[in-house]
Amino acid sequence: GYTEDDLKEKFGALYNAFQFGAPPHAGMAPGVDRMIMLLTNEENIRE
């Protein structure tokens, strides 16, 4: 439901950068707090 104008307005930085060609790219981001929660055997992240 987004128009190309919506893309320009909401994500202008990416839209403009992609005009010059972009390499394929990929990534992820494991949560550090959750890793510590698991390693300390806690069931609630507040702990």
All heavy atoms as atom14 arrays in JSON, in Angstrom:
{
  "sequence": "GYTEDDLKEKFGALYNAFQFGAPPHAGMAPGVDRMIMLLTNEENIRE",
  "atom14_mask": [
    [1, 1, 1, 1, 0, 0, 0, 0, 0, 0, 0, 0, 0, 0],
    [1, 1, 1, 1, 1, 1, 1, 1, 1, 1, 1, 1, 0, 0],
    [1, 1, 1, 1, 1, 1, 1, 0, 0, 0, 0, 0, 0, 0],
    [1, 1, 1, 1, 1, 1, 1, 1, 1, 0, 0, 0, 0, 0],
    [1, 1, 1, 1, 1, 1, 1, 1, 0, 0, 0, 0, 0, 0],
    [1, 1, 1, 1, 1, 1, 1, 1, 0, 0, 0, 0, 0, 0],
    [1, 1, 1, 1, 1, 1, 1, 1, 0, 0, 0, 0, 0, 0],
    [1, 1, 1, 1, 1, 1, 1, 1, 1, 0, 0, 0, 0, 0],
    [1, 1, 1, 1, 1, 1, 1, 1, 1, 0, 0, 0, 0, 0],
    [1, 1, 1, 1, 1, 1, 1, 1, 1, 0, 0, 0, 0, 0],
    [1, 1, 1, 1, 1, 1, 1, 1, 1, 1, 1, 0, 0, 0],
    [1, 1, 1, 1, 0, 0, 0, 0, 0, 0, 0, 0, 0, 0],
    [1, 1, 1, 1, 1, 0, 0, 0, 0, 0, 0, 0, 0, 0],
    [1, 1, 1, 1, 1, 1, 1, 1, 0, 0, 0, 0, 0, 0],
    [1, 1, 1, 1, 1, 1, 1, 1, 1, 1, 1, 1, 0, 0],
    [1, 1, 1, 1, 1, 1, 1, 1, 0, 0, 0, 0, 0, 0],
    [1, 1, 1, 1, 1, 0, 0, 0, 0, 0, 0, 0, 0, 0],
    [1, 1, 1, 1, 1, 1, 1, 1, 1, 1, 1, 0, 0, 0],
    [1, 1, 1, 1, 1, 1, 1, 1, 1, 0, 0, 0, 0, 0],
    [1, 1, 1, 1, 1, 1, 1, 1, 1, 1, 1, 0, 0, 0],
    [1, 1, 1, 1, 0, 0, 0, 0, 0, 0, 0, 0, 0, 0],
    [1, 1, 1, 1, 1, 0, 0, 0, 0, 0, 0, 0, 0, 0],
    [1, 1, 1, 1, 1, 1, 1, 0, 0, 0, 0, 0, 0, 0],
    [1, 1, 1, 1, 1, 1, 1, 0, 0, 0, 0, 0, 0, 0],
    [1, 1, 1, 1, 1, 1, 1, 1, 1, 1, 0, 0, 0, 0],
    [1, 1, 1, 1, 1, 0, 0, 0, 0, 0, 0, 0, 0, 0],
    [1, 1, 1, 1, 0, 0, 0, 0, 0, 0, 0, 0, 0, 0],
    [1, 1, 1, 1, 1, 1, 1, 1, 0, 0, 0, 0, 0, 0],
    [1, 1, 1, 1, 1, 0, 0, 0, 0, 0, 0, 0, 0, 0],
    [1, 1, 1, 1, 1, 1, 1, 0, 0, 0, 0, 0, 0, 0],
    [1, 1, 1, 1, 0, 0, 0, 0, 0, 0, 0, 0, 0, 0],
    [1, 1, 1, 1, 1, 1, 1, 0, 0, 0, 0, 0, 0, 0],
    [1, 1, 1, 1, 1, 1, 1, 1, 0, 0, 0, 0, 0, 0],
    [1, 1, 1, 1, 1, 1, 1, 1, 1, 1, 1, 0, 0, 0],
    [1, 1, 1, 1, 1, 1, 1, 1, 0, 0, 0, 0, 0, 0],
    [1, 1, 1, 1, 1, 1, 1, 1, 0, 0, 0, 0, 0, 0],
    [1, 1, 1, 1, 1, 1, 1, 1, 0, 0, 0, 0, 0, 0],
    [1, 1, 1, 1, 1, 1, 1, 1, 0, 0, 0, 0, 0, 0],
    [1, 1, 1, 1, 1, 1, 1, 1, 0, 0, 0, 0, 0, 0],
    [1, 1, 1, 1, 1, 1, 1, 0, 0, 0, 0, 0, 0, 0],
    [1, 1, 1, 1, 1, 1, 1, 1, 0, 0, 0, 0, 0, 0],
    [1, 1, 1, 1, 1, 1, 1, 1, 1, 0, 0, 0, 0, 0],
    [1, 1, 1, 1, 1, 1, 1, 1, 1, 0, 0, 0, 0, 0],
    [1, 1, 1, 1, 1, 1, 1, 1, 0, 0, 0, 0, 0, 0],
    [1, 1, 1, 1, 1, 1, 1, 1, 0, 0, 0, 0, 0, 0],
    [1, 1, 1, 1, 1, 1, 1, 1, 1, 1, 1, 0, 0, 0],
    [1, 1, 1, 1, 1, 1, 1, 1, 1, 0, 0, 0, 0, 0]
  ],
  "atom14_positions": [
    [[0.78, -1.24, 0.0], [0.0, 0.0, 0.0], [0.81, 1.29, 0.0], [0.26, 2.37, 0.24], [0.0, 0.0, 0.0], [0.0, 0.0, 0.0], [0.0, 0.0, 0.0], [0.0, 0.0, 0.0], [0.0, 0.0, 0.0], [0.0, 0.0, 0.0], [0.0, 0.0, 0.0], [0.0, 0.0, 0.0], [0.0, 0.0, 0.0], [0.0, 0.0, 0.0]],
    [[2.13, 1.2, -0.26], [2.96, 2.41, -0.3], [3.26, 2.79, -1.75], [3.55, 1.93, -2.57], [4.3, 2.18, 0.42], [4.18, 1.88, 1.9], [3.99, 0.58, 2.36], [4.27, 2.9, 2.84], [3.89, 0.3, 3.71], [4.17, 2.63, 4.2], [3.99, 1.33, 4.63], [3.89, 1.05, 5.97], [0.0, 0.0, 0.0], [0.0, 0.0, 0.0]],
    [[3.22, 4.06, -2.04], [3.6, 4.53, -3.37], [5.1, 4.8, -3.41], [5.76, 4.84, -2.36], [2.86, 5.83, -3.72], [3.29, 6.86, -2.82], [1.34, 5.66, -3.6], [0.0, 0.0, 0.0], [0.0, 0.0, 0.0], [0.0, 0.0, 0.0], [0.0, 0.0, 0.0], [0.0, 0.0, 0.0], [0.0, 0.0, 0.0], [0.0, 0.0, 0.0]],
    [[5.63, 5.03, -4.61], [7.05, 5.38, -4.72], [7.33, 6.71, -4.02], [8.39, 6.91, -3.44], [7.48, 5.43, -6.19], [8.98, 5.57, -6.35], [9.47, 5.25, -7.75], [8.67, 4.79, -8.59], [10.67, 5.47, -8.0], [0.0, 0.0, 0.0], [0.0, 0.0, 0.0], [0.0, 0.0, 0.0], [0.0, 0.0, 0.0], [0.0, 0.0, 0.0]],
    [[6.36, 7.63, -4.06], [6.52, 8.9, -3.35], [6.61, 8.67, -1.84], [7.35, 9.38, -1.14], [5.34, 9.85, -3.66], [5.43, 10.43, -5.07], [6.57, 10.47, -5.61], [4.39, 10.83, -5.61], [0.0, 0.0, 0.0], [0.0, 0.0, 0.0], [0.0, 0.0, 0.0], [0.0, 0.0, 0.0], [0.0, 0.0, 0.0], [0.0, 0.0, 0.0]],
    [[5.85, 7.69, -1.32], [5.94, 7.34, 0.1], [7.36, 6.88, 0.44], [7.92, 7.23, 1.49], [4.96, 6.23, 0.46], [3.51, 6.68, 0.42], [3.27, 7.89, 0.62], [2.63, 5.83, 0.18], [0.0, 0.0, 0.0], [0.0, 0.0, 0.0], [0.0, 0.0, 0.0], [0.0, 0.0, 0.0], [0.0, 0.0, 0.0], [0.0, 0.0, 0.0]],
    [[7.93, 6.05, -0.45], [9.29, 5.57, -0.24], [10.27, 6.73, -0.18], [11.14, 6.78, 0.7], [9.68, 4.63, -1.39], [9.57, 3.12, -1.17], [9.95, 2.38, -2.44], [10.47, 2.68, -0.04], [0.0, 0.0, 0.0], [0.0, 0.0, 0.0], [0.0, 0.0, 0.0], [0.0, 0.0, 0.0], [0.0, 0.0, 0.0], [0.0, 0.0, 0.0]],
    [[10.13, 7.67, -1.13], [11.03, 8.83, -1.17], [10.92, 9.65, 0.11], [11.91, 10.14, 0.65], [10.7, 9.71, -2.37], [11.02, 9.11, -3.72], [10.59, 10.06, -4.83], [10.74, 9.41, -6.2], [10.22, 10.29, -7.28], [0.0, 0.0, 0.0], [0.0, 0.0, 0.0], [0.0, 0.0, 0.0], [0.0, 0.0, 0.0], [0.0, 0.0, 0.0]],
    [[9.68, 9.79, 0.58], [9.45, 10.64, 1.75], [9.88, 9.97, 3.05], [10.56, 10.57, 3.88], [7.96, 10.99, 1.83], [7.61, 11.93, 2.98], [6.11, 12.17, 3.1], [5.39, 11.98, 2.1], [5.68, 12.55, 4.2], [0.0, 0.0, 0.0], [0.0, 0.0, 0.0], [0.0, 0.0, 0.0], [0.0, 0.0, 0.0], [0.0, 0.0, 0.0]],
    [[9.5, 8.69, 3.23], [9.75, 8.01, 4.51], [11.15, 7.41, 4.6], [11.73, 7.31, 5.69], [8.71, 6.91, 4.73], [7.27, 7.41, 4.88], [6.31, 6.25, 5.01], [4.86, 6.7, 5.02], [4.51, 7.53, 6.18], [0.0, 0.0, 0.0], [0.0, 0.0, 0.0], [0.0, 0.0, 0.0], [0.0, 0.0, 0.0], [0.0, 0.0, 0.0]],
    [[11.69, 6.96, 3.47], [12.99, 6.3, 3.47], [13.91, 6.94, 2.43], [14.56, 6.26, 1.65], [12.83, 4.8, 3.19], [11.75, 4.15, 4.02], [10.56, 3.73, 3.45], [11.92, 3.98, 5.38], [9.56, 3.15, 4.21], [10.92, 3.4, 6.16], [9.74, 2.98, 5.58], [0.0, 0.0, 0.0], [0.0, 0.0, 0.0], [0.0, 0.0, 0.0]],
    [[13.94, 8.26, 2.44], [14.65, 9.01, 1.42], [16.13, 8.68, 1.34], [16.69, 8.61, 0.24], [0.0, 0.0, 0.0], [0.0, 0.0, 0.0], [0.0, 0.0, 0.0], [0.0, 0.0, 0.0], [0.0, 0.0, 0.0], [0.0, 0.0, 0.0], [0.0, 0.0, 0.0], [0.0, 0.0, 0.0], [0.0, 0.0, 0.0], [0.0, 0.0, 0.0]],
    [[16.78, 8.48, 2.47], [18.22, 8.21, 2.47], [18.53, 6.93, 1.7], [19.43, 6.9, 0.85], [18.72, 8.1, 3.91], [0.0, 0.0, 0.0], [0.0, 0.0, 0.0], [0.0, 0.0, 0.0], [0.0, 0.0, 0.0], [0.0, 0.0, 0.0], [0.0, 0.0, 0.0], [0.0, 0.0, 0.0], [0.0, 0.0, 0.0], [0.0, 0.0, 0.0]],
    [[17.77, 5.85, 1.98], [17.98, 4.59, 1.27], [17.59, 4.72, -0.2], [18.3, 4.24, -1.09], [17.15, 3.48, 1.9], [17.8, 2.6, 2.97], [16.85, 1.47, 3.35], [19.12, 2.01, 2.49], [0.0, 0.0, 0.0], [0.0, 0.0, 0.0], [0.0, 0.0, 0.0], [0.0, 0.0, 0.0], [0.0, 0.0, 0.0], [0.0, 0.0, 0.0]],
    [[16.46, 5.37, -0.43], [15.97, 5.51, -1.81], [17.02, 6.23, -2.67], [17.32, 5.79, -3.78], [14.66, 6.29, -1.81], [14.03, 6.45, -3.18], [13.17, 5.48, -3.69], [14.32, 7.55, -3.98], [12.61, 5.6, -4.95], [13.77, 7.69, -5.25], [12.91, 6.72, -5.72], [12.37, 6.86, -6.98], [0.0, 0.0, 0.0], [0.0, 0.0, 0.0]],
    [[17.59, 7.29, -2.15], [18.6, 8.05, -2.91], [19.87, 7.23, -3.08], [20.46, 7.21, -4.18], [18.93, 9.37, -2.2], [17.77, 10.35, -2.26], [16.98, 10.33, -3.21], [17.66, 11.21, -1.25], [0.0, 0.0, 0.0], [0.0, 0.0, 0.0], [0.0, 0.0, 0.0], [0.0, 0.0, 0.0], [0.0, 0.0, 0.0], [0.0, 0.0, 0.0]],
    [[20.31, 6.54, -2.03], [21.54, 5.76, -2.11], [21.42, 4.64, -3.14], [22.36, 4.35, -3.88], [21.87, 5.18, -0.74], [0.0, 0.0, 0.0], [0.0, 0.0, 0.0], [0.0, 0.0, 0.0], [0.0, 0.0, 0.0], [0.0, 0.0, 0.0], [0.0, 0.0, 0.0], [0.0, 0.0, 0.0], [0.0, 0.0, 0.0], [0.0, 0.0, 0.0]],
    [[20.25, 4.02, -3.2], [20.05, 2.9, -4.11], [20.07, 3.31, -5.58], [20.21, 2.47, -6.46], [18.74, 2.17, -3.78], [18.85, 1.18, -2.65], [19.89, 1.25, -1.74], [17.91, 0.18, -2.49], [20.0, 0.35, -0.7], [18.0, -0.74, -1.45], [19.06, -0.65, -0.55], [0.0, 0.0, 0.0], [0.0, 0.0, 0.0], [0.0, 0.0, 0.0]],
    [[19.92, 4.61, -5.85], [19.99, 5.08, -7.25], [21.39, 4.86, -7.84], [21.56, 4.79, -9.05], [19.64, 6.58, -7.34], [18.32, 6.99, -6.7], [17.13, 6.23, -7.26], [17.03, 6.04, -8.47], [16.24, 5.8, -6.38], [0.0, 0.0, 0.0], [0.0, 0.0, 0.0], [0.0, 0.0, 0.0], [0.0, 0.0, 0.0], [0.0, 0.0, 0.0]],
    [[22.39, 4.75, -6.97], [23.77, 4.61, -7.43], [24.22, 3.15, -7.48], [25.38, 2.86, -7.76], [24.7, 5.41, -6.51], [24.39, 6.87, -6.49], [23.59, 7.4, -5.49], [24.87, 7.73, -7.48], [23.27, 8.75, -5.47], [24.56, 9.08, -7.46], [23.76, 9.59, -6.46], [0.0, 0.0, 0.0], [0.0, 0.0, 0.0], [0.0, 0.0, 0.0]],
    [[23.29, 2.23, -7.18], [23.64, 0.82, -7.19], [24.04, 0.36, -5.8], [24.79, 1.06, -5.1], [0.0, 0.0, 0.0], [0.0, 0.0, 0.0], [0.0, 0.0, 0.0], [0.0, 0.0, 0.0], [0.0, 0.0, 0.0], [0.0, 0.0, 0.0], [0.0, 0.0, 0.0], [0.0, 0.0, 0.0], [0.0, 0.0, 0.0], [0.0, 0.0, 0.0]],
    [[23.53, -0.78, -5.39], [23.82, -1.29, -4.04], [24.24, -2.75, -4.13], [23.67, -3.52, -4.89], [22.58, -1.16, -3.16], [0.0, 0.0, 0.0], [0.0, 0.0, 0.0], [0.0, 0.0, 0.0], [0.0, 0.0, 0.0], [0.0, 0.0, 0.0], [0.0, 0.0, 0.0], [0.0, 0.0, 0.0], [0.0, 0.0, 0.0], [0.0, 0.0, 0.0]],
    [[25.26, -3.15, -3.36], [25.67, -4.55, -3.37], [24.64, -5.4, -2.62], [23.95, -4.9, -1.73], [27.0, -4.54, -2.61], [26.85, -3.39, -1.65], [26.03, -2.36, -2.38], [0.0, 0.0, 0.0], [0.0, 0.0, 0.0], [0.0, 0.0, 0.0], [0.0, 0.0, 0.0], [0.0, 0.0, 0.0], [0.0, 0.0, 0.0], [0.0, 0.0, 0.0]],
    [[24.54, -6.69, -2.95], [23.74, -7.57, -2.1], [24.32, -7.52, -0.69], [25.54, -7.52, -0.52], [23.93, -8.96, -2.72], [24.47, -8.71, -4.09], [25.21, -7.41, -4.03], [0.0, 0.0, 0.0], [0.0, 0.0, 0.0], [0.0, 0.0, 0.0], [0.0, 0.0, 0.0], [0.0, 0.0, 0.0], [0.0, 0.0, 0.0], [0.0, 0.0, 0.0]],
    [[23.46, -7.46, 0.33], [23.97, -7.43, 1.7], [22.98, -8.09, 2.64], [21.79, -8.2, 2.36], [24.31, -6.0, 2.15], [23.22, -4.99, 1.94], [22.87, -4.51, 0.69], [22.41, -4.35, 2.82], [21.89, -3.63, 0.81], [21.59, -3.51, 2.1], [0.0, 0.0, 0.0], [0.0, 0.0, 0.0], [0.0, 0.0, 0.0], [0.0, 0.0, 0.0]],
    [[23.5, -8.58, 3.76], [22.68, -9.35, 4.7], [23.29, -9.25, 6.09], [24.48, -8.94, 6.24], [22.62, -10.82, 4.27], [0.0, 0.0, 0.0], [0.0, 0.0, 0.0], [0.0, 0.0, 0.0], [0.0, 0.0, 0.0], [0.0, 0.0, 0.0], [0.0, 0.0, 0.0], [0.0, 0.0, 0.0], [0.0, 0.0, 0.0], [0.0, 0.0, 0.0]],
    [[22.47, -9.52, 7.09], [23.0, -9.46, 8.45], [22.0, -9.98, 9.46], [20.93, -10.48, 9.12], [0.0, 0.0, 0.0], [0.0, 0.0, 0.0], [0.0, 0.0, 0.0], [0.0, 0.0, 0.0], [0.0, 0.0, 0.0], [0.0, 0.0, 0.0], [0.0, 0.0, 0.0], [0.0, 0.0, 0.0], [0.0, 0.0, 0.0], [0.0, 0.0, 0.0]],
    [[22.36, -9.83, 10.72], [21.46, -10.17, 11.82], [21.98, -9.49, 13.09], [23.03, -8.85, 13.07], [21.33, -11.68, 11.99], [22.55, -12.37, 12.47], [22.37, -14.17, 12.75], [20.7, -14.54, 12.45], [0.0, 0.0, 0.0], [0.0, 0.0, 0.0], [0.0, 0.0, 0.0], [0.0, 0.0, 0.0], [0.0, 0.0, 0.0], [0.0, 0.0, 0.0]],
    [[21.25, -9.67, 14.19], [21.62, -8.96, 15.42], [21.17, -9.74, 16.65], [20.08, -9.52, 17.18], [21.01, -7.56, 15.42], [0.0, 0.0, 0.0], [0.0, 0.0, 0.0], [0.0, 0.0, 0.0], [0.0, 0.0, 0.0], [0.0, 0.0, 0.0], [0.0, 0.0, 0.0], [0.0, 0.0, 0.0], [0.0, 0.0, 0.0], [0.0, 0.0, 0.0]],
    [[21.98, -10.68, 17.14], [21.61, -11.4, 18.37], [21.5, -10.46, 19.57], [22.3, -9.54, 19.72], [22.78, -12.38, 18.57], [23.43, -12.49, 17.22], [23.23, -11.18, 16.56], [0.0, 0.0, 0.0], [0.0, 0.0, 0.0], [0.0, 0.0, 0.0], [0.0, 0.0, 0.0], [0.0, 0.0, 0.0], [0.0, 0.0, 0.0], [0.0, 0.0, 0.0]],
    [[20.48, -10.68, 20.39], [20.26, -9.83, 21.55], [21.19, -10.19, 22.7], [21.2, -11.33, 23.17], [0.0, 0.0, 0.0], [0.0, 0.0, 0.0], [0.0, 0.0, 0.0], [0.0, 0.0, 0.0], [0.0, 0.0, 0.0], [0.0, 0.0, 0.0], [0.0, 0.0, 0.0], [0.0, 0.0, 0.0], [0.0, 0.0, 0.0], [0.0, 0.0, 0.0]],
    [[21.99, -9.23, 23.13], [22.97, -9.48, 24.19], [22.27, -9.74, 25.53], [22.66, -10.64, 26.27], [23.94, -8.28, 24.29], [24.91, -8.48, 25.46], [24.71, -8.12, 23.0], [0.0, 0.0, 0.0], [0.0, 0.0, 0.0], [0.0, 0.0, 0.0], [0.0, 0.0, 0.0], [0.0, 0.0, 0.0], [0.0, 0.0, 0.0], [0.0, 0.0, 0.0]],
    [[21.23, -8.95, 25.84], [20.51, -9.15, 27.11], [19.93, -10.56, 27.19], [19.99, -11.21, 28.24], [19.38, -8.13, 27.24], [19.84, -6.71, 27.01], [20.72, -6.26, 27.76], [19.35, -6.05, 26.08], [0.0, 0.0, 0.0], [0.0, 0.0, 0.0], [0.0, 0.0, 0.0], [0.0, 0.0, 0.0], [0.0, 0.0, 0.0], [0.0, 0.0, 0.0]],
    [[19.36, -11.03, 26.1], [18.76, -12.37, 26.1], [19.82, -13.46, 26.22], [19.59, -14.5, 26.84], [17.92, -12.57, 24.84], [16.64, -11.76, 24.86], [15.78, -12.01, 23.64], [14.61, -11.15, 23.65], [13.71, -11.1, 22.68], [13.84, -11.86, 21.61], [12.67, -10.29, 22.77], [0.0, 0.0, 0.0], [0.0, 0.0, 0.0], [0.0, 0.0, 0.0]],
    [[20.98, -13.22, 25.61], [22.07, -14.19, 25.74], [22.47, -14.33, 27.21], [22.65, -15.44, 27.72], [23.27, -13.75, 24.89], [23.04, -13.89, 23.39], [24.16, -12.9, 22.39], [25.72, -13.66, 22.74], [0.0, 0.0, 0.0], [0.0, 0.0, 0.0], [0.0, 0.0, 0.0], [0.0, 0.0, 0.0], [0.0, 0.0, 0.0], [0.0, 0.0, 0.0]],
    [[22.59, -13.19, 27.9], [22.97, -13.22, 29.32], [21.87, -13.87, 30.15], [22.14, -14.63, 31.09], [23.29, -11.8, 29.82], [24.51, -11.25, 29.07], [23.55, -11.79, 31.32], [24.77, -9.78, 29.29], [0.0, 0.0, 0.0], [0.0, 0.0, 0.0], [0.0, 0.0, 0.0], [0.0, 0.0, 0.0], [0.0, 0.0, 0.0], [0.0, 0.0, 0.0]],
    [[20.62, -13.59, 29.8], [19.49, -14.19, 30.51], [19.57, -15.72, 30.42], [19.39, -16.43, 31.42], [18.17, -13.69, 29.91], [16.93, -14.19, 30.61], [15.4, -13.64, 29.81], [15.25, -14.85, 28.5], [0.0, 0.0, 0.0], [0.0, 0.0, 0.0], [0.0, 0.0, 0.0], [0.0, 0.0, 0.0], [0.0, 0.0, 0.0], [0.0, 0.0, 0.0]],
    [[19.85, -16.25, 29.24], [19.95, -17.69, 29.06], [21.17, -18.26, 29.8], [21.08, -19.3, 30.45], [20.05, -18.03, 27.57], [18.76, -17.91, 26.76], [19.07, -18.03, 25.26], [17.76, -18.99, 27.17], [0.0, 0.0, 0.0], [0.0, 0.0, 0.0], [0.0, 0.0, 0.0], [0.0, 0.0, 0.0], [0.0, 0.0, 0.0], [0.0, 0.0, 0.0]],
    [[22.3, -17.55, 29.69], [23.54, -18.06, 30.31], [23.47, -18.06, 31.83], [24.19, -18.81, 32.49], [24.73, -17.22, 29.83], [25.17, -17.49, 28.38], [26.09, -16.39, 27.88], [25.86, -18.85, 28.29], [0.0, 0.0, 0.0], [0.0, 0.0, 0.0], [0.0, 0.0, 0.0], [0.0, 0.0, 0.0], [0.0, 0.0, 0.0], [0.0, 0.0, 0.0]],
    [[22.62, -17.21, 32.41], [22.47, -17.18, 33.87], [21.26, -17.98, 34.34], [20.91, -17.95, 35.52], [22.35, -15.72, 34.37], [21.31, -15.07, 33.64], [23.65, -14.97, 34.18], [0.0, 0.0, 0.0], [0.0, 0.0, 0.0], [0.0, 0.0, 0.0], [0.0, 0.0, 0.0], [0.0, 0.0, 0.0], [0.0, 0.0, 0.0], [0.0, 0.0, 0.0]],
    [[20.6, -18.67, 33.38], [19.43, -19.5, 33.7], [18.29, -18.72, 34.35], [17.59, -19.23, 35.23], [19.81, -20.68, 34.6], [20.44, -21.8, 33.81], [19.97, -22.15, 32.73], [21.53, -22.34, 34.33], [0.0, 0.0, 0.0], [0.0, 0.0, 0.0], [0.0, 0.0, 0.0], [0.0, 0.0, 0.0], [0.0, 0.0, 0.0], [0.0, 0.0, 0.0]],
    [[18.13, -17.47, 33.94], [17.01, -16.66, 34.43], [15.86, -16.75, 33.43], [16.09, -16.81, 32.22], [17.43, -15.19, 34.61], [18.47, -14.97, 35.7], [17.92, -15.17, 37.1], [16.69, -15.38, 37.24], [18.73, -15.15, 38.06], [0.0, 0.0, 0.0], [0.0, 0.0, 0.0], [0.0, 0.0, 0.0], [0.0, 0.0, 0.0], [0.0, 0.0, 0.0]],
    [[14.63, -16.71, 33.92], [13.47, -16.78, 33.04], [12.91, -15.4, 32.7], [12.08, -15.28, 31.82], [12.38, -17.64, 33.69], [12.78, -19.1, 33.8], [11.66, -19.99, 34.27], [10.55, -19.46, 34.52], [11.87, -21.21, 34.38], [0.0, 0.0, 0.0], [0.0, 0.0, 0.0], [0.0, 0.0, 0.0], [0.0, 0.0, 0.0], [0.0, 0.0, 0.0]],
    [[13.36, -14.37, 33.44], [12.88, -13.01, 33.18], [14.07, -12.09, 32.98], [15.0, -12.08, 33.78], [12.02, -12.52, 34.35], [11.22, -11.28, 33.99], [11.75, -10.28, 33.53], [9.91, -11.35, 34.19], [0.0, 0.0, 0.0], [0.0, 0.0, 0.0], [0.0, 0.0, 0.0], [0.0, 0.0, 0.0], [0.0, 0.0, 0.0], [0.0, 0.0, 0.0]],
    [[14.02, -11.32, 31.91], [15.15, -10.47, 31.53], [15.42, -9.38, 32.57], [16.54, -8.87, 32.68], [14.91, -9.87, 30.13], [16.24, -9.54, 29.45], [13.96, -8.66, 30.18], [16.15, -9.37, 27.96], [0.0, 0.0, 0.0], [0.0, 0.0, 0.0], [0.0, 0.0, 0.0], [0.0, 0.0, 0.0], [0.0, 0.0, 0.0], [0.0, 0.0, 0.0]],
    [[14.41, -9.03, 33.37], [14.59, -8.01, 34.41], [15.64, -8.44, 35.44], [16.28, -7.59, 36.08], [13.26, -7.75, 35.13], [12.22, -7.01, 34.3], [10.84, -7.14, 34.92], [10.81, -6.71, 36.31], [10.65, -5.46, 36.71], [10.49, -4.5, 35.82], [10.64, -5.15, 37.99], [0.0, 0.0, 0.0], [0.0, 0.0, 0.0], [0.0, 0.0, 0.0]],
    [[15.83, -9.76, 35.58], [16.76, -10.26, 36.59], [18.22, -10.0, 36.23], [19.09, -10.08, 37.11], [16.55, -11.77, 36.8], [15.17, -12.15, 37.29], [14.84, -11.55, 38.65], [15.76, -11.36, 39.47], [13.65, -11.27, 38.91], [0.0, 0.0, 0.0], [0.0, 0.0, 0.0], [0.0, 0.0, 0.0], [0.0, 0.0, 0.0], [0.0, 0.0, 0.0]]
  ]
}
